[in-house]
N, C-alpha and C. Protein backbone atom coordinates (compact mmCIF):
# COMPACT_ATOMS: atom_id res chain seq x y z
N MET A 1 119.00 46.68 203.03
CA MET A 1 120.26 46.99 202.34
C MET A 1 120.17 48.38 201.73
N GLU A 2 121.18 49.17 201.98
CA GLU A 2 121.19 50.56 201.49
C GLU A 2 121.60 50.60 200.03
N LYS A 3 120.88 51.40 199.27
CA LYS A 3 121.14 51.55 197.84
C LYS A 3 122.42 52.35 197.63
N PRO A 4 123.35 51.90 196.74
CA PRO A 4 124.58 52.66 196.51
C PRO A 4 124.27 54.03 195.92
N GLN A 5 125.09 54.98 196.29
CA GLN A 5 124.90 56.36 195.85
C GLN A 5 125.29 56.51 194.38
N SER A 6 124.46 57.18 193.63
CA SER A 6 124.74 57.46 192.23
C SER A 6 125.89 58.46 192.13
N PRO A 7 126.78 58.29 191.11
CA PRO A 7 127.86 59.25 190.96
C PRO A 7 127.37 60.66 190.63
N LEU A 8 126.10 60.80 190.24
CA LEU A 8 125.60 62.12 189.89
C LEU A 8 125.04 62.87 191.09
N LEU A 9 124.76 62.17 192.18
CA LEU A 9 124.25 62.84 193.37
C LEU A 9 125.37 63.64 194.01
N PRO A 10 125.06 64.82 194.55
CA PRO A 10 126.09 65.63 195.18
C PRO A 10 126.59 65.00 196.47
N LEU A 11 127.78 65.39 196.86
CA LEU A 11 128.34 64.91 198.12
C LEU A 11 127.51 65.45 199.28
N PRO A 12 127.37 64.66 200.35
CA PRO A 12 126.53 65.09 201.47
C PRO A 12 127.10 66.27 202.26
N ASP A 13 128.37 66.53 202.17
CA ASP A 13 129.00 67.60 202.93
C ASP A 13 129.25 68.78 201.99
N GLU A 14 128.62 69.91 202.29
CA GLU A 14 128.76 71.11 201.45
C GLU A 14 130.21 71.53 201.26
N ARG A 15 131.03 71.32 202.30
CA ARG A 15 132.43 71.76 202.24
C ARG A 15 133.21 71.02 201.16
N LEU A 16 132.72 69.88 200.72
CA LEU A 16 133.46 69.08 199.74
C LEU A 16 132.88 69.15 198.33
N ARG A 17 131.85 69.91 198.13
CA ARG A 17 131.24 69.99 196.79
C ARG A 17 132.19 70.60 195.77
N TRP A 18 133.02 71.55 196.18
CA TRP A 18 133.96 72.15 195.23
C TRP A 18 134.99 71.12 194.78
N VAL A 19 135.28 70.12 195.63
CA VAL A 19 136.20 69.04 195.26
C VAL A 19 135.65 68.30 194.05
N GLU A 20 134.37 68.02 194.11
CA GLU A 20 133.71 67.33 193.00
C GLU A 20 133.75 68.16 191.72
N SER A 21 133.52 69.45 191.84
CA SER A 21 133.53 70.34 190.67
C SER A 21 134.91 70.42 190.04
N VAL A 22 135.93 70.58 190.86
CA VAL A 22 137.30 70.66 190.35
C VAL A 22 137.71 69.33 189.73
N SER A 23 137.32 68.24 190.37
CA SER A 23 137.63 66.91 189.83
C SER A 23 137.01 66.73 188.45
N ARG A 24 135.75 67.13 188.31
CA ARG A 24 135.08 67.03 187.02
C ARG A 24 135.80 67.88 185.97
N LEU A 25 136.19 69.10 186.34
CA LEU A 25 136.91 69.98 185.42
C LEU A 25 138.23 69.33 184.97
N MET A 26 138.93 68.71 185.88
CA MET A 26 140.22 68.11 185.55
C MET A 26 140.11 66.82 184.75
N ASP A 27 139.03 66.04 184.96
CA ASP A 27 138.97 64.70 184.36
C ASP A 27 137.83 64.44 183.38
N SER A 28 136.70 65.13 183.50
CA SER A 28 135.57 64.73 182.66
C SER A 28 134.61 65.86 182.29
N GLN A 29 135.09 67.06 182.20
CA GLN A 29 134.25 68.23 181.92
C GLN A 29 133.76 68.26 180.47
N PHE A 30 134.59 67.82 179.55
CA PHE A 30 134.28 67.95 178.12
C PHE A 30 133.96 66.59 177.52
N ARG A 31 133.13 66.60 176.50
CA ARG A 31 132.76 65.36 175.83
C ARG A 31 133.19 65.45 174.36
N LEU A 32 133.80 64.39 173.88
CA LEU A 32 134.18 64.32 172.48
C LEU A 32 132.90 64.22 171.66
N PRO A 33 132.66 65.16 170.73
CA PRO A 33 131.40 65.18 169.97
C PRO A 33 131.11 63.85 169.28
N GLY A 34 129.88 63.42 169.40
CA GLY A 34 129.45 62.18 168.76
C GLY A 34 129.79 60.92 169.55
N THR A 35 130.37 61.07 170.71
CA THR A 35 130.74 59.92 171.54
C THR A 35 130.32 60.18 172.99
N ASN A 36 130.52 59.16 173.81
CA ASN A 36 130.31 59.32 175.25
C ASN A 36 131.64 59.51 175.97
N PHE A 37 132.72 59.65 175.23
CA PHE A 37 134.05 59.79 175.82
C PHE A 37 134.22 61.19 176.41
N LYS A 38 134.55 61.22 177.70
CA LYS A 38 134.74 62.49 178.39
C LYS A 38 136.19 62.66 178.79
N PHE A 39 136.63 63.91 178.80
CA PHE A 39 137.99 64.23 179.23
C PHE A 39 137.96 65.61 179.87
N GLY A 40 139.04 65.95 180.55
CA GLY A 40 139.12 67.23 181.23
C GLY A 40 140.41 67.95 180.91
N LEU A 41 140.79 68.86 181.78
CA LEU A 41 142.01 69.64 181.57
C LEU A 41 143.28 68.84 181.82
N ASP A 42 143.21 67.80 182.65
CA ASP A 42 144.40 67.02 182.99
C ASP A 42 145.15 66.52 181.75
N PRO A 43 144.51 65.80 180.84
CA PRO A 43 145.28 65.34 179.67
C PRO A 43 145.71 66.46 178.74
N ILE A 44 144.94 67.53 178.68
CA ILE A 44 145.29 68.66 177.83
C ILE A 44 146.52 69.36 178.37
N LEU A 45 146.53 69.61 179.68
CA LEU A 45 147.69 70.25 180.31
C LEU A 45 148.93 69.37 180.26
N GLY A 46 148.72 68.06 180.13
CA GLY A 46 149.84 67.12 180.03
C GLY A 46 150.69 67.35 178.79
N PHE A 47 150.15 68.05 177.80
CA PHE A 47 150.92 68.35 176.60
C PHE A 47 151.92 69.48 176.82
N ILE A 48 151.77 70.21 177.93
CA ILE A 48 152.71 71.28 178.26
C ILE A 48 153.80 70.68 179.14
N PRO A 49 155.01 70.59 178.64
CA PRO A 49 156.08 69.96 179.42
C PRO A 49 156.28 70.65 180.77
N LEU A 50 156.49 69.88 181.77
CA LEU A 50 156.76 70.27 183.15
C LEU A 50 155.64 71.08 183.80
N ALA A 51 155.31 72.24 183.27
CA ALA A 51 154.29 73.10 183.90
C ALA A 51 152.93 72.42 183.92
N GLY A 52 152.57 71.74 182.86
CA GLY A 52 151.28 71.05 182.81
C GLY A 52 151.21 69.92 183.80
N THR A 53 152.26 69.11 183.85
CA THR A 53 152.31 67.98 184.78
C THR A 53 152.28 68.47 186.22
N LEU A 54 153.07 69.48 186.51
CA LEU A 54 153.13 70.01 187.88
C LEU A 54 151.80 70.63 188.30
N SER A 55 151.15 71.33 187.39
CA SER A 55 149.88 71.97 187.76
C SER A 55 148.79 70.94 188.03
N THR A 56 148.69 69.91 187.20
CA THR A 56 147.67 68.88 187.44
C THR A 56 147.99 68.10 188.71
N TYR A 57 149.26 67.87 188.95
CA TYR A 57 149.70 67.17 190.14
C TYR A 57 149.36 67.99 191.39
N ALA A 58 149.57 69.30 191.33
CA ALA A 58 149.26 70.18 192.45
C ALA A 58 147.76 70.20 192.73
N VAL A 59 146.94 70.27 191.69
CA VAL A 59 145.49 70.27 191.88
C VAL A 59 145.05 68.96 192.53
N SER A 60 145.56 67.85 192.06
CA SER A 60 145.20 66.55 192.65
C SER A 60 145.62 66.49 194.12
N GLY A 61 146.80 67.01 194.43
CA GLY A 61 147.27 67.03 195.80
C GLY A 61 146.39 67.88 196.70
N ILE A 62 145.96 69.03 196.20
CA ILE A 62 145.07 69.91 196.97
C ILE A 62 143.73 69.22 197.23
N LEU A 63 143.22 68.51 196.24
CA LEU A 63 141.96 67.79 196.42
C LEU A 63 142.08 66.73 197.51
N VAL A 64 143.15 65.94 197.47
CA VAL A 64 143.35 64.91 198.49
C VAL A 64 143.56 65.57 199.86
N PHE A 65 144.32 66.63 199.90
CA PHE A 65 144.55 67.37 201.14
C PHE A 65 143.22 67.81 201.74
N THR A 66 142.34 68.37 200.93
CA THR A 66 141.04 68.84 201.40
C THR A 66 140.19 67.68 201.90
N MET A 67 140.17 66.58 201.15
CA MET A 67 139.37 65.43 201.58
C MET A 67 139.90 64.87 202.89
N ALA A 68 141.21 64.82 203.04
CA ALA A 68 141.80 64.32 204.29
C ALA A 68 141.48 65.24 205.45
N ARG A 69 141.46 66.51 205.20
CA ARG A 69 141.18 67.49 206.24
C ARG A 69 139.79 67.35 206.83
N TYR A 70 138.86 66.84 206.03
CA TYR A 70 137.48 66.67 206.50
C TYR A 70 137.15 65.24 206.89
N GLY A 71 138.15 64.50 207.34
CA GLY A 71 137.89 63.24 208.01
C GLY A 71 137.93 61.98 207.19
N VAL A 72 138.51 61.99 206.00
CA VAL A 72 138.64 60.76 205.23
C VAL A 72 139.66 59.85 205.92
N SER A 73 139.39 58.57 205.92
CA SER A 73 140.25 57.63 206.65
C SER A 73 141.63 57.49 206.01
N ARG A 74 142.54 56.97 206.79
CA ARG A 74 143.92 56.74 206.34
C ARG A 74 143.94 55.84 205.10
N LYS A 75 143.15 54.79 205.13
CA LYS A 75 143.11 53.84 204.00
C LYS A 75 142.67 54.54 202.71
N VAL A 76 141.64 55.38 202.79
CA VAL A 76 141.13 56.07 201.61
C VAL A 76 142.16 57.08 201.10
N VAL A 77 142.83 57.78 202.00
CA VAL A 77 143.86 58.74 201.58
C VAL A 77 145.00 58.01 200.87
N ILE A 78 145.40 56.87 201.39
CA ILE A 78 146.46 56.10 200.75
C ILE A 78 146.03 55.65 199.36
N LEU A 79 144.80 55.18 199.23
CA LEU A 79 144.29 54.78 197.90
C LEU A 79 144.25 55.97 196.94
N MET A 80 143.85 57.13 197.47
CA MET A 80 143.82 58.34 196.63
C MET A 80 145.23 58.72 196.18
N CYS A 81 146.18 58.64 197.10
CA CYS A 81 147.57 58.97 196.75
C CYS A 81 148.12 57.98 195.72
N LEU A 82 147.75 56.72 195.84
CA LEU A 82 148.19 55.74 194.85
C LEU A 82 147.63 56.07 193.47
N ASN A 83 146.37 56.50 193.43
CA ASN A 83 145.78 56.94 192.15
C ASN A 83 146.57 58.09 191.55
N ILE A 84 146.91 59.06 192.39
CA ILE A 84 147.66 60.23 191.90
C ILE A 84 149.07 59.84 191.48
N MET A 85 149.72 58.97 192.26
CA MET A 85 151.08 58.54 191.91
C MET A 85 151.09 57.82 190.57
N LEU A 86 150.14 56.91 190.38
CA LEU A 86 150.07 56.19 189.12
C LEU A 86 149.83 57.15 187.97
N ASP A 87 148.92 58.09 188.17
CA ASP A 87 148.64 59.09 187.13
C ASP A 87 149.87 59.95 186.85
N ALA A 88 150.58 60.35 187.90
CA ALA A 88 151.76 61.21 187.72
C ALA A 88 152.91 60.45 187.08
N LEU A 89 153.15 59.22 187.51
CA LEU A 89 154.29 58.47 186.98
C LEU A 89 154.10 58.06 185.53
N ILE A 90 152.96 57.46 185.23
CA ILE A 90 152.72 57.03 183.84
C ILE A 90 152.42 58.25 182.97
N GLY A 91 151.73 59.24 183.54
CA GLY A 91 151.41 60.44 182.79
C GLY A 91 152.62 61.26 182.38
N SER A 92 153.75 61.06 183.04
CA SER A 92 154.96 61.81 182.69
C SER A 92 155.75 61.17 181.55
N ILE A 93 155.34 60.01 181.08
CA ILE A 93 156.00 59.36 179.95
C ILE A 93 155.49 60.00 178.67
N PRO A 94 156.38 60.50 177.82
CA PRO A 94 155.92 61.15 176.59
C PRO A 94 155.05 60.21 175.74
N VAL A 95 154.06 60.73 175.12
CA VAL A 95 153.07 60.11 174.25
C VAL A 95 152.22 59.08 175.01
N LEU A 96 152.82 58.02 175.54
CA LEU A 96 152.07 57.01 176.29
C LEU A 96 151.36 57.67 177.47
N GLY A 97 152.05 58.58 178.14
CA GLY A 97 151.46 59.27 179.29
C GLY A 97 150.27 60.12 178.91
N ASN A 98 150.34 60.77 177.75
CA ASN A 98 149.22 61.58 177.29
C ASN A 98 147.99 60.72 177.00
N ILE A 99 148.22 59.58 176.37
CA ILE A 99 147.12 58.65 176.10
C ILE A 99 146.55 58.13 177.42
N PHE A 100 147.42 57.78 178.35
CA PHE A 100 147.01 57.29 179.66
C PHE A 100 146.17 58.33 180.39
N ASP A 101 146.56 59.60 180.32
CA ASP A 101 145.83 60.67 181.01
C ASP A 101 144.40 60.82 180.50
N PHE A 102 144.16 60.53 179.22
CA PHE A 102 142.81 60.60 178.69
C PHE A 102 141.93 59.48 179.24
N ALA A 103 142.53 58.33 179.55
CA ALA A 103 141.76 57.17 180.00
C ALA A 103 141.67 57.06 181.52
N TYR A 104 142.76 57.32 182.23
CA TYR A 104 142.82 57.13 183.68
C TYR A 104 142.50 58.45 184.36
N LYS A 105 141.38 58.53 184.99
CA LYS A 105 140.91 59.77 185.60
C LYS A 105 141.06 59.67 187.11
N ALA A 106 142.26 60.01 187.60
CA ALA A 106 142.58 59.83 189.02
C ALA A 106 141.68 60.65 189.93
N ASN A 107 141.38 61.88 189.57
CA ASN A 107 140.54 62.72 190.43
C ASN A 107 139.11 62.19 190.51
N ASP A 108 138.55 61.74 189.38
CA ASP A 108 137.22 61.14 189.40
C ASP A 108 137.22 59.87 190.25
N ARG A 109 138.28 59.08 190.14
CA ARG A 109 138.39 57.87 190.97
C ARG A 109 138.43 58.25 192.46
N ASN A 110 139.14 59.31 192.77
CA ASN A 110 139.24 59.73 194.16
C ASN A 110 137.90 60.22 194.70
N VAL A 111 137.12 60.91 193.88
CA VAL A 111 135.79 61.35 194.32
C VAL A 111 134.88 60.15 194.52
N ARG A 112 135.01 59.12 193.68
CA ARG A 112 134.22 57.90 193.89
C ARG A 112 134.61 57.23 195.21
N LEU A 113 135.91 57.22 195.52
CA LEU A 113 136.35 56.69 196.82
C LEU A 113 135.74 57.50 197.96
N LEU A 114 135.72 58.82 197.80
CA LEU A 114 135.15 59.70 198.81
C LEU A 114 133.66 59.42 199.00
N ARG A 115 132.93 59.26 197.90
CA ARG A 115 131.50 58.95 197.97
C ARG A 115 131.26 57.64 198.72
N ARG A 116 132.03 56.62 198.36
CA ARG A 116 131.89 55.33 199.02
C ARG A 116 132.16 55.46 200.52
N HIS A 117 133.17 56.24 200.85
CA HIS A 117 133.55 56.47 202.24
C HIS A 117 132.41 57.17 202.99
N TYR A 118 131.79 58.17 202.38
CA TYR A 118 130.67 58.86 203.00
C TYR A 118 129.46 57.93 203.12
N ALA A 119 129.22 57.11 202.10
CA ALA A 119 128.08 56.20 202.13
C ALA A 119 128.21 55.19 203.28
N GLU A 120 129.44 54.83 203.62
CA GLU A 120 129.67 53.90 204.73
C GLU A 120 129.59 54.60 206.08
N GLY A 121 129.51 55.93 206.09
CA GLY A 121 129.40 56.68 207.33
C GLY A 121 130.68 56.72 208.14
N LYS A 122 131.83 56.63 207.48
CA LYS A 122 133.11 56.58 208.18
C LYS A 122 133.90 57.88 208.03
N TYR A 123 133.22 58.97 207.89
CA TYR A 123 133.91 60.21 207.61
C TYR A 123 134.10 61.10 208.82
N LYS A 124 133.95 60.57 209.99
CA LYS A 124 134.13 61.37 211.22
C LYS A 124 135.59 61.37 211.63
N GLY A 125 136.00 62.43 212.28
CA GLY A 125 137.34 62.45 212.84
C GLY A 125 138.24 63.47 212.16
N SER A 126 139.43 63.58 212.71
CA SER A 126 140.41 64.53 212.20
C SER A 126 141.43 63.80 211.34
N GLY A 127 141.84 64.43 210.29
CA GLY A 127 142.83 63.83 209.41
C GLY A 127 144.15 64.57 209.42
N THR A 128 144.49 65.23 210.52
CA THR A 128 145.71 66.04 210.58
C THR A 128 146.95 65.21 210.30
N GLY A 129 147.08 64.07 210.93
CA GLY A 129 148.24 63.20 210.70
C GLY A 129 148.31 62.73 209.26
N ILE A 130 147.17 62.40 208.72
CA ILE A 130 147.10 61.95 207.33
C ILE A 130 147.49 63.08 206.39
N VAL A 131 147.03 64.28 206.68
CA VAL A 131 147.34 65.43 205.82
C VAL A 131 148.84 65.64 205.76
N ILE A 132 149.51 65.55 206.89
CA ILE A 132 150.97 65.72 206.92
C ILE A 132 151.64 64.59 206.14
N THR A 133 151.17 63.37 206.32
CA THR A 133 151.72 62.23 205.59
C THR A 133 151.52 62.39 204.09
N VAL A 134 150.34 62.82 203.69
CA VAL A 134 150.04 63.02 202.26
C VAL A 134 150.95 64.09 201.68
N LEU A 135 151.10 65.20 202.40
CA LEU A 135 151.97 66.27 201.90
C LEU A 135 153.41 65.79 201.73
N LEU A 136 153.90 65.04 202.69
CA LEU A 136 155.25 64.51 202.58
C LEU A 136 155.37 63.53 201.40
N LEU A 137 154.38 62.68 201.26
CA LEU A 137 154.37 61.72 200.15
C LEU A 137 154.33 62.45 198.80
N LEU A 138 153.50 63.47 198.70
CA LEU A 138 153.42 64.23 197.46
C LEU A 138 154.73 64.96 197.16
N LEU A 139 155.39 65.46 198.19
CA LEU A 139 156.69 66.11 197.99
C LEU A 139 157.74 65.13 197.50
N VAL A 140 157.72 63.91 198.04
CA VAL A 140 158.66 62.88 197.59
C VAL A 140 158.42 62.55 196.12
N ILE A 141 157.15 62.38 195.75
CA ILE A 141 156.82 62.07 194.35
C ILE A 141 157.25 63.21 193.44
N LEU A 142 156.99 64.42 193.88
CA LEU A 142 157.39 65.59 193.10
C LEU A 142 158.90 65.62 192.93
N GLY A 143 159.63 65.25 193.99
CA GLY A 143 161.09 65.17 193.91
C GLY A 143 161.54 64.16 192.87
N PHE A 144 160.88 63.00 192.82
CA PHE A 144 161.22 61.99 191.82
C PHE A 144 160.95 62.50 190.41
N ILE A 145 159.87 63.22 190.24
CA ILE A 145 159.55 63.77 188.92
C ILE A 145 160.62 64.77 188.51
N PHE A 146 161.00 65.69 189.42
CA PHE A 146 162.05 66.66 189.11
C PHE A 146 163.37 65.96 188.81
N TYR A 147 163.69 64.93 189.59
CA TYR A 147 164.93 64.19 189.36
C TYR A 147 164.93 63.55 187.97
N GLY A 148 163.80 62.94 187.60
CA GLY A 148 163.69 62.33 186.27
C GLY A 148 163.84 63.34 185.16
N ILE A 149 163.24 64.50 185.34
CA ILE A 149 163.37 65.57 184.35
C ILE A 149 164.81 66.06 184.27
N TRP A 150 165.47 66.19 185.42
CA TRP A 150 166.87 66.61 185.47
C TRP A 150 167.77 65.62 184.74
N VAL A 151 167.58 64.33 185.00
CA VAL A 151 168.40 63.29 184.35
C VAL A 151 168.15 63.30 182.84
N LEU A 152 166.89 63.40 182.45
CA LEU A 152 166.57 63.44 181.02
C LEU A 152 167.18 64.68 180.37
N GLY A 153 167.06 65.83 181.03
CA GLY A 153 167.64 67.07 180.51
C GLY A 153 169.16 66.97 180.38
N SER A 154 169.82 66.39 181.39
CA SER A 154 171.28 66.22 181.34
C SER A 154 171.68 65.31 180.18
N TYR A 155 170.93 64.23 180.01
CA TYR A 155 171.22 63.31 178.92
C TYR A 155 171.06 64.01 177.57
N LEU A 156 169.98 64.76 177.41
CA LEU A 156 169.76 65.48 176.15
C LEU A 156 170.83 66.54 175.91
N TRP A 157 171.24 67.24 176.95
CA TRP A 157 172.28 68.25 176.84
C TRP A 157 173.59 67.63 176.37
N GLN A 158 173.98 66.51 176.97
CA GLN A 158 175.21 65.82 176.56
C GLN A 158 175.10 65.32 175.13
N TYR A 159 173.94 64.81 174.78
CA TYR A 159 173.72 64.32 173.42
C TYR A 159 173.87 65.46 172.41
N LEU A 160 173.26 66.61 172.73
CA LEU A 160 173.35 67.77 171.83
C LEU A 160 174.78 68.28 171.73
N GLN A 161 175.51 68.30 172.84
CA GLN A 161 176.90 68.75 172.79
C GLN A 161 177.74 67.82 171.92
N GLN A 162 177.54 66.52 172.04
CA GLN A 162 178.29 65.57 171.21
C GLN A 162 177.92 65.72 169.75
N ALA A 163 176.63 65.91 169.49
CA ALA A 163 176.17 66.05 168.10
C ALA A 163 176.74 67.32 167.48
N LEU A 164 176.77 68.42 168.24
CA LEU A 164 177.27 69.67 167.70
C LEU A 164 178.80 69.65 167.56
N SER A 165 179.49 68.94 168.43
CA SER A 165 180.95 68.90 168.34
C SER A 165 181.43 68.02 167.19
N SER A 166 180.57 67.14 166.70
CA SER A 166 180.96 66.27 165.59
C SER A 166 180.87 67.02 164.26
N TYR A 167 180.26 68.19 164.24
CA TYR A 167 180.18 68.98 162.99
C TYR A 167 181.38 69.80 162.81
């Protein structure tokens, strides 16, 4: 029986090592002093409305795109996209989303999926079709986020107009 790979061991493919580094930066680069709690730039950038969410979402998408390009299976890409979707959807909720971003580390989860996939020896092949599917899926999610922001902005604008007209 093969021993499971430690999360601290580097990925076997040199081309994917930067994925691990970026993932760590986004999700677990910093440690809260006096604790074992780690966090990265993802929850911090989440405090910046729109730009923070979009930037972390773009980085996650690029990571999945890169992993798919180097032969990750369709099933693993779908699981990675689900991690990102959950992080993006719940992470976009004010306050609750910020708390969620500190706890749910989608990029670290995706690297663990990648490690498991490599340990099983199933990383051969081309992921061109998957890459296109992932890009389309990420664009759809991004569209939903923009739509939600647009609806919220419209609602706030109408609310402000009514409030100002009552004075």
